[in-house]
Amino acid sequence: MLIKAVGEFTLQPVVWLAIIVVIISYFKRIRIERKQFRIAINNDFYEGRHLIKNGILFALIGSLMMISIGIMLPPAWILIYQILIIIELLCFGFLTIDSSWFYFLSVLVLALNGLGIIKPLRKILLTSTWDNFLKSGTALMVLGAILLGFKLLMLRRFDPIMLLPVIKAGKRGRRLVKYSWRELALIPLFCLIPGSQVQEVVPGWPYLTLAGHSFAIFILPVIITSGISFSRQTAGETLKLKKYQLRWLMIGFLLAALSCYFWNELVPIAWIVLLVVTLSIAGIRYRFMRQHSNWYFETHDGIRIVAVKPKTPAAKMNLQPGDVILTCNGLKVKSEKELYHALQQEPTYCRLKVRSYAGKLKLTQGAIFAGAPHEIGIIIFH
């Protein structure tokens, strides 16, 4: 049964579509960087590496939790979810839609199908009744909490070198920079399906019977996205808010699951409350992003750092996107030409006076090794 589940997982279109989407996302990022700055800021294919690492780690954690708790997922929801995440993957490169909304949508479709409102789907999903929807409420809420935990773990692994800067036209002729980072994780999640229901959907699928309960093992390809975008705050501020919100939302899912475990009748109300809370959190985040006015704009009293190439002198000097270089080797700099001239004063060493995005002054210095780019690895407005 386990071998059959693994084989079925590798043949699912979601798996291969996710891999293709990640590869396309990498080349799209490189193309955007070269178009704006004439070079690629970060050639590392970290999208693919993180896809594998996150997938393995989250699969181990999630599968262990799902099976140890005994969470059983309804086959009808699995089918609905698979269709929706294919749509999500097709939209990934064009629209910034959080994977949480597709999860909520899958639950909504399951509920509407259980009520008999979506009649064409009802003919296919015979096991999707309103009673089954109520019974599966706790399981789906626990799964939602687990997926939110994975999104939180992805945020914890964030590194500023993964930010994609995009230059926009601002007011008064000055250009602005907007930063974004978005990652996708494909999780092969081992889950249990009620044996009686899986036979109605997929006749012949093997299942086990223990203590009078029949169940089948299925490897569900789960897609989650996580990331941040900002143009008026620091990456740290944006991350702090999003982590805080995810923690409380995850707690909300667990509390809702606990309540519905004892009172099945609360399932519809719990889902509505969770949706309202999620919408409120999105609104708070949107308001937070717009309440500051400290843009990453092109400045005339120094040189604004748009990005820092990894493994360069600038990275070793801990320069950050948004910093403004005021002096280089004792000389004031306001343009790329002046910076290049100042660097030539000491070709093997660099001393910088920098004003951070928050307005704090700092001094930094470092050696310039052979083969380093003449701008020591910083990306600036050209």
Protein backbone atom coordinates (compact mmCIF):
# COMPACT_ATOMS: atom_id res chain seq x y z
CA MET A 1 0.00 0.00 0.00
CA LEU A 2 2.85 2.39 0.86
CA ILE A 3 4.69 1.67 -2.39
CA LYS A 4 1.49 2.27 -4.35
CA ALA A 5 1.00 5.60 -2.53
CA VAL A 6 4.55 6.73 -3.37
CA GLY A 7 4.10 5.73 -6.99
CA GLU A 8 0.82 7.59 -7.26
CA PHE A 9 2.42 10.70 -5.72
CA THR A 10 5.20 10.88 -8.32
CA LEU A 11 2.63 10.62 -11.11
CA GLN A 12 0.42 13.45 -9.89
CA PRO A 13 0.46 16.52 -12.17
CA VAL A 14 0.69 18.84 -9.15
CA VAL A 15 4.18 17.54 -8.34
CA TRP A 16 5.65 18.15 -11.78
CA LEU A 17 3.80 21.43 -12.21
CA ALA A 18 5.27 22.69 -8.91
CA ILE A 19 8.80 21.80 -10.06
CA ILE A 20 8.27 23.56 -13.40
CA VAL A 21 6.84 26.65 -11.67
CA VAL A 22 9.87 26.91 -9.35
CA ILE A 23 12.28 26.65 -12.29
CA ILE A 24 10.35 29.31 -14.21
CA SER A 25 10.31 31.55 -11.11
CA TYR A 26 14.10 31.36 -10.90
CA PHE A 27 14.64 32.37 -14.52
CA LYS A 28 12.02 35.11 -14.17
CA ARG A 29 13.86 36.56 -11.15
CA ILE A 30 17.18 36.52 -13.00
CA ARG A 31 15.58 38.17 -16.04
CA ILE A 32 14.08 40.97 -13.91
CA GLU A 33 17.41 41.61 -12.17
CA ARG A 34 19.36 41.74 -15.43
CA LYS A 35 16.79 43.98 -17.07
CA GLN A 36 16.97 46.52 -14.24
CA PHE A 37 20.62 46.35 -13.16
CA ARG A 38 22.37 44.74 -16.16
CA ILE A 39 23.57 41.89 -13.91
CA ALA A 40 22.00 39.13 -11.85
CA ILE A 41 22.15 40.02 -8.16
CA ASN A 42 22.01 36.43 -6.95
CA ASN A 43 22.60 33.55 -9.38
CA ASP A 44 21.98 30.95 -6.69
CA PHE A 45 19.04 28.67 -7.47
CA TYR A 46 17.90 28.81 -3.86
CA GLU A 47 14.27 28.37 -4.93
CA GLY A 48 14.97 24.80 -5.99
CA ARG A 49 17.18 24.02 -3.01
CA HIS A 50 14.57 25.31 -0.57
CA LEU A 51 11.83 23.41 -2.41
CA ILE A 52 13.65 20.15 -1.65
CA LYS A 53 14.75 21.02 1.91
CA ASN A 54 11.39 22.40 3.00
CA GLY A 55 9.56 19.54 1.32
CA ILE A 56 11.55 16.86 3.15
CA LEU A 57 11.50 18.62 6.54
CA PHE A 58 7.82 19.53 6.43
CA ALA A 59 6.86 16.08 5.13
CA LEU A 60 8.55 14.41 8.10
CA ILE A 61 7.01 16.78 10.66
CA GLY A 62 3.56 16.95 9.09
CA SER A 63 3.21 13.24 8.33
CA LEU A 64 4.28 12.29 11.85
CA MET A 65 1.75 14.68 13.37
CA MET A 66 -1.10 13.68 11.05
CA ILE A 67 -0.66 9.93 11.53
CA SER A 68 0.11 10.05 15.27
CA ILE A 69 -3.00 12.15 15.96
CA GLY A 70 -5.05 9.95 13.63
CA ILE A 71 -6.30 12.77 11.42
CA MET A 72 -8.38 11.44 8.51
CA LEU A 73 -9.02 13.64 5.48
CA PRO A 74 -12.15 13.26 3.32
CA PRO A 75 -11.41 12.11 -0.27
CA ALA A 76 -13.85 14.71 -1.59
CA TRP A 77 -11.81 17.54 -0.07
CA ILE A 78 -8.57 16.04 -1.42
CA LEU A 79 -9.96 16.07 -4.96
CA ILE A 80 -11.22 19.65 -4.60
CA TYR A 81 -7.92 20.78 -3.10
CA GLN A 82 -5.89 19.16 -5.91
CA ILE A 83 -7.90 21.04 -8.53
CA LEU A 84 -7.49 24.35 -6.71
CA ILE A 85 -3.73 24.06 -6.17
CA ILE A 86 -3.25 23.38 -9.88
CA ILE A 87 -4.98 26.73 -10.45
CA GLU A 88 -2.79 28.26 -7.73
CA LEU A 89 0.40 27.01 -9.41
CA LEU A 90 -0.71 28.34 -12.79
CA CYS A 91 -1.26 31.77 -11.18
CA PHE A 92 1.94 31.74 -9.09
CA GLY A 93 4.12 33.63 -11.55
CA PHE A 94 1.51 36.27 -12.38
CA LEU A 95 -0.58 36.93 -9.27
CA THR A 96 0.46 37.24 -5.63
CA ILE A 97 -2.22 35.15 -3.93
CA ASP A 98 -1.47 33.54 -0.59
CA SER A 99 -1.97 29.77 -0.50
CA SER A 100 -4.21 30.20 2.57
CA TRP A 101 -7.00 31.59 0.38
CA PHE A 102 -7.00 28.47 -1.78
CA TYR A 103 -7.24 26.40 1.39
CA PHE A 104 -10.27 28.37 2.56
CA LEU A 105 -11.76 28.08 -0.93
CA SER A 106 -11.37 24.29 -0.88
CA VAL A 107 -13.28 24.13 2.41
CA LEU A 108 -15.98 26.43 1.02
CA VAL A 109 -16.42 24.26 -2.09
CA LEU A 110 -16.62 21.17 0.13
CA ALA A 111 -19.34 22.82 2.23
CA LEU A 112 -21.34 23.98 -0.79
CA ASN A 113 -21.05 20.54 -2.33
CA GLY A 114 -22.25 18.98 0.93
CA LEU A 115 -25.30 21.24 0.81
CA GLY A 116 -25.96 20.15 -2.77
CA ILE A 117 -25.49 23.67 -4.17
CA ILE A 118 -22.74 22.67 -6.64
CA LYS A 119 -24.71 19.96 -8.45
CA PRO A 120 -22.21 18.89 -11.18
CA LEU A 121 -19.58 18.32 -8.51
CA ARG A 122 -22.08 16.55 -6.28
CA LYS A 123 -22.51 13.81 -8.91
CA ILE A 124 -18.76 13.09 -8.80
CA LEU A 125 -18.25 13.43 -5.04
CA LEU A 126 -20.98 11.14 -3.74
CA THR A 127 -19.27 10.88 -0.33
CA SER A 128 -19.33 14.64 0.15
CA THR A 129 -22.40 15.11 2.32
CA TRP A 130 -23.11 17.82 4.87
CA ASP A 131 -22.70 15.26 7.64
CA ASN A 132 -19.25 14.30 6.35
CA PHE A 133 -18.34 17.99 6.12
CA LEU A 134 -19.18 18.45 9.80
CA LYS A 135 -17.22 15.34 10.76
CA SER A 136 -14.14 16.46 8.81
CA GLY A 137 -14.13 19.98 10.26
CA THR A 138 -11.72 19.19 13.09
CA ALA A 139 -9.30 17.35 10.78
CA LEU A 140 -9.19 20.20 8.25
CA MET A 141 -8.67 22.79 10.99
CA VAL A 142 -5.76 20.83 12.46
CA LEU A 143 -4.26 20.52 8.97
CA GLY A 144 -4.71 24.28 8.52
CA ALA A 145 -2.83 24.93 11.76
CA ILE A 146 0.00 22.64 10.63
CA LEU A 147 0.29 24.45 7.29
CA LEU A 148 0.37 27.83 9.05
CA GLY A 149 3.21 26.48 11.18
CA PHE A 150 5.09 25.57 8.00
CA LYS A 151 4.59 29.10 6.64
CA LEU A 152 6.04 30.42 9.89
CA LEU A 153 9.08 28.14 9.56
CA MET A 154 9.66 29.39 6.01
CA LEU A 155 9.67 32.97 7.30
CA ARG A 156 12.23 32.05 9.96
CA ARG A 157 14.62 30.94 7.20
CA PHE A 158 14.39 34.26 5.40
CA ASP A 159 17.67 35.89 4.31
CA PRO A 160 17.84 39.48 2.94
CA ILE A 161 19.93 38.29 -0.02
CA MET A 162 16.76 36.59 -1.33
CA LEU A 163 14.91 39.90 -1.72
CA LEU A 164 13.97 40.91 -5.25
CA PRO A 165 14.18 44.71 -5.72
CA VAL A 166 11.93 46.30 -8.32
CA ILE A 167 12.45 49.93 -9.28
CA LYS A 168 9.33 52.08 -9.67
CA ALA A 169 8.86 55.67 -10.78
CA GLY A 170 8.21 57.95 -7.82
CA LYS A 171 7.12 61.53 -7.34
CA ARG A 172 9.34 64.52 -8.17
CA GLY A 173 11.39 62.45 -10.61
CA ARG A 174 12.93 60.22 -7.95
CA ARG A 175 12.85 56.46 -8.34
CA LEU A 176 11.68 54.10 -5.61
CA VAL A 177 12.47 50.51 -4.75
CA LYS A 178 9.92 47.89 -3.73
CA TYR A 179 11.17 44.63 -2.27
CA SER A 180 9.56 41.22 -2.34
CA TRP A 181 10.39 37.65 -1.51
CA ARG A 182 8.12 34.72 -2.17
CA GLU A 183 8.78 31.01 -1.93
CA LEU A 184 6.85 27.89 -2.71
CA ALA A 185 7.00 24.58 -0.85
CA LEU A 186 5.81 21.20 -2.13
CA ILE A 187 5.09 18.86 0.77
CA PRO A 188 4.47 15.12 0.26
CA LEU A 189 2.16 14.72 3.24
CA PHE A 190 1.32 11.19 4.37
CA CYS A 191 -2.30 11.21 5.48
CA LEU A 192 -5.08 8.79 6.34
CA ILE A 193 -8.35 8.47 4.42
CA PRO A 194 -11.46 6.62 5.65
CA GLY A 195 -11.45 3.23 3.92
CA SER A 196 -15.17 3.20 3.14
CA GLN A 197 -15.02 6.61 1.45
CA VAL A 198 -11.88 5.96 -0.58
CA GLN A 199 -13.43 2.81 -2.07
CA GLU A 200 -16.36 4.87 -3.36
CA VAL A 201 -14.04 7.41 -4.99
CA VAL A 202 -11.19 5.10 -6.12
CA PRO A 203 -12.39 1.48 -6.28
CA GLY A 204 -9.61 -1.02 -5.67
CA TRP A 205 -7.42 1.31 -3.60
CA PRO A 206 -5.84 -0.84 -0.82
CA TYR A 207 -6.76 -0.11 2.78
CA LEU A 208 -6.15 -1.48 6.27
CA THR A 209 -8.56 -2.37 9.05
CA LEU A 210 -7.46 -1.96 12.68
CA ALA A 211 -9.72 -2.22 15.73
CA GLY A 212 -12.77 -2.04 13.50
CA HIS A 213 -11.60 1.12 11.69
CA SER A 214 -10.62 0.95 8.02
CA PHE A 215 -8.29 3.50 6.47
CA ALA A 216 -6.04 4.00 3.47
CA ILE A 217 -2.68 5.78 3.24
CA PHE A 218 -2.39 8.53 0.69
CA ILE A 219 0.47 10.95 -0.03
CA LEU A 220 -1.13 14.33 -0.51
CA PRO A 221 0.91 16.94 -2.43
CA VAL A 222 0.43 20.12 -0.42
CA ILE A 223 1.43 23.52 -1.78
CA ILE A 224 2.12 26.42 0.55
CA THR A 225 3.57 29.81 -0.22
CA SER A 226 5.23 32.24 2.13
CA GLY A 227 6.93 35.57 1.70
CA ILE A 228 6.96 39.29 2.36
CA SER A 229 6.79 42.51 0.38
CA PHE A 230 7.52 46.03 1.55
CA SER A 231 8.44 49.49 0.32
CA ARG A 232 8.13 51.70 3.42
CA GLN A 233 9.41 49.49 6.25
CA THR A 234 12.42 47.34 6.97
CA ALA A 235 12.39 43.63 6.25
CA GLY A 236 12.69 43.02 10.00
CA GLU A 237 9.56 45.05 10.82
CA THR A 238 7.55 43.32 8.11
CA LEU A 239 8.73 39.87 9.20
CA LYS A 240 7.99 40.57 12.86
CA LEU A 241 4.38 41.53 12.13
CA LYS A 242 3.74 38.59 9.82
CA LYS A 243 5.24 36.06 12.25
CA TYR A 244 3.16 37.50 15.08
CA GLN A 245 -0.02 37.25 13.01
CA LEU A 246 0.72 33.70 11.86
CA ARG A 247 1.30 32.53 15.43
CA TRP A 248 -2.05 33.84 16.63
CA LEU A 249 -3.86 32.56 13.55
CA MET A 250 -2.35 29.11 14.12
CA ILE A 251 -3.54 29.20 17.74
CA GLY A 252 -6.98 30.23 16.48
CA PHE A 253 -7.14 27.20 14.17
CA LEU A 254 -6.15 24.87 17.01
CA LEU A 255 -8.73 26.34 19.40
CA ALA A 256 -11.40 26.06 16.70
CA ALA A 257 -10.42 22.43 16.07
CA LEU A 258 -10.61 21.67 19.78
CA SER A 259 -14.07 23.23 20.05
CA CYS A 260 -15.38 21.39 16.99
CA TYR A 261 -14.00 18.09 18.28
CA PHE A 262 -16.54 18.23 21.10
CA TRP A 263 -19.34 20.06 19.25
CA ASN A 264 -19.61 19.20 15.54
CA GLU A 265 -22.39 21.73 15.12
CA LEU A 266 -19.85 24.54 15.60
CA VAL A 267 -17.93 23.65 12.41
CA PRO A 268 -19.67 26.15 10.05
CA ILE A 269 -19.48 28.95 12.63
CA ALA A 270 -15.82 28.16 13.36
CA TRP A 271 -14.89 28.35 9.66
CA ILE A 272 -16.70 31.68 9.29
CA VAL A 273 -14.90 33.09 12.34
CA LEU A 274 -11.53 31.86 11.05
CA LEU A 275 -12.19 33.44 7.65
CA VAL A 276 -13.16 36.78 9.24
CA VAL A 277 -10.04 36.71 11.44
CA THR A 278 -7.83 35.93 8.43
CA LEU A 279 -9.38 38.79 6.44
CA SER A 280 -8.89 41.14 9.39
CA ILE A 281 -5.24 40.14 9.67
CA ALA A 282 -4.75 40.80 5.95
CA GLY A 283 -6.37 44.22 6.39
CA ILE A 284 -4.13 45.08 9.35
CA ARG A 285 -1.05 44.07 7.36
CA TYR A 286 -2.15 46.18 4.39
CA ARG A 287 -2.71 49.19 6.64
CA PHE A 288 0.69 48.66 8.28
CA MET A 289 2.38 48.65 4.87
CA ARG A 290 0.82 51.99 3.97
CA GLN A 291 1.08 53.93 7.23
CA HIS A 292 4.79 54.74 6.92
CA SER A 293 6.24 57.29 4.51
CA ASN A 294 9.92 56.36 4.64
CA TRP A 295 10.30 55.09 1.08
CA TYR A 296 13.40 53.45 -0.36
CA PHE A 297 13.87 56.38 -2.72
CA GLU A 298 16.77 57.64 -4.78
CA THR A 299 18.69 60.17 -2.69
CA HIS A 300 20.89 63.15 -3.57
CA ASP A 301 23.00 63.30 -0.39
CA GLY A 302 24.73 59.97 -0.88
CA ILE A 303 24.34 56.67 -2.72
CA ARG A 304 21.37 54.47 -1.89
CA ILE A 305 22.15 50.75 -1.80
CA VAL A 306 19.41 48.91 -3.68
CA ALA A 307 20.79 45.41 -3.10
CA VAL A 308 23.93 43.60 -2.01
CA LYS A 309 25.44 40.71 -3.96
CA PRO A 310 26.23 37.70 -1.74
CA LYS A 311 29.85 36.69 -1.02
CA THR A 312 31.26 40.12 -1.88
CA PRO A 313 33.14 42.75 0.18
CA ALA A 314 29.85 44.62 0.67
CA ALA A 315 28.20 41.52 2.13
CA LYS A 316 31.15 40.97 4.48
CA MET A 317 30.88 44.60 5.64
CA ASN A 318 27.23 43.89 6.51
CA LEU A 319 25.83 46.54 4.18
CA GLN A 320 22.05 46.29 3.85
CA PRO A 321 19.52 47.28 1.18
CA GLY A 322 18.32 50.78 2.01
CA ASP A 323 21.63 51.96 3.48
CA VAL A 324 23.01 55.24 2.12
CA ILE A 325 26.78 55.54 1.56
CA LEU A 326 27.84 59.05 2.61
CA THR A 327 31.63 58.81 2.30
CA CYS A 328 34.06 56.29 0.86
CA ASN A 329 37.71 56.38 1.93
CA GLY A 330 37.15 59.85 3.38
CA LEU A 331 35.58 61.30 0.22
CA LYS A 332 31.93 62.34 -0.09
CA VAL A 333 30.11 60.38 -2.78
CA LYS A 334 26.83 61.18 -4.51
CA SER A 335 27.10 59.25 -7.77
CA GLU A 336 28.42 56.03 -9.23
CA LYS A 337 31.33 57.91 -10.81
CA GLU A 338 32.34 59.49 -7.49
CA LEU A 339 32.13 56.11 -5.74
CA TYR A 340 34.38 54.51 -8.34
CA HIS A 341 36.88 57.36 -7.98
CA ALA A 342 36.89 57.05 -4.18
CA LEU A 343 37.44 53.29 -4.35
CA GLN A 344 40.52 53.85 -6.50
CA GLN A 345 42.18 55.80 -3.68
CA GLU A 346 42.72 52.50 -1.82
CA PRO A 347 42.20 49.61 -4.25
CA THR A 348 42.73 46.92 -1.58
CA TYR A 349 40.74 48.42 1.30
CA CYS A 350 37.49 50.30 1.73
CA ARG A 351 36.24 52.54 4.55
CA LEU A 352 32.64 53.65 4.43
CA LYS A 353 30.46 56.02 6.40
CA VAL A 354 26.89 54.80 6.05
CA ARG A 355 23.46 55.99 7.13
CA SER A 356 21.09 53.11 7.71
CA TYR A 357 17.49 53.05 6.52
CA ALA A 358 16.46 53.88 10.11
CA GLY A 359 18.70 56.97 10.06
CA LYS A 360 21.56 55.71 12.24
CA LEU A 361 25.15 56.46 11.24
CA LYS A 362 27.71 53.67 11.19
CA LEU A 363 31.30 53.15 10.08
CA THR A 364 32.32 49.97 8.30
CA GLN A 365 35.43 48.78 6.55
CA GLY A 366 36.78 45.75 4.77
CA ALA A 367 39.34 44.40 2.35
CA ILE A 368 38.70 44.32 -1.38
CA PHE A 369 39.94 41.01 -2.69
CA ALA A 370 41.20 40.32 -6.18
CA GLY A 371 38.46 39.94 -8.75
CA ALA A 372 35.87 41.84 -6.72
CA PRO A 373 33.51 44.08 -8.74
CA HIS A 374 34.54 47.73 -8.76
CA GLU A 375 31.43 48.60 -6.78
CA ILE A 376 32.42 46.06 -4.07
CA GLY A 377 29.24 44.10 -4.67
CA ILE A 378 26.53 46.72 -4.20
CA ILE A 379 23.64 47.38 -6.57
CA ILE A 380 22.71 51.05 -6.88
CA PHE A 381 20.50 53.27 -9.01
CA HIS A 382 22.05 53.71 -12.46
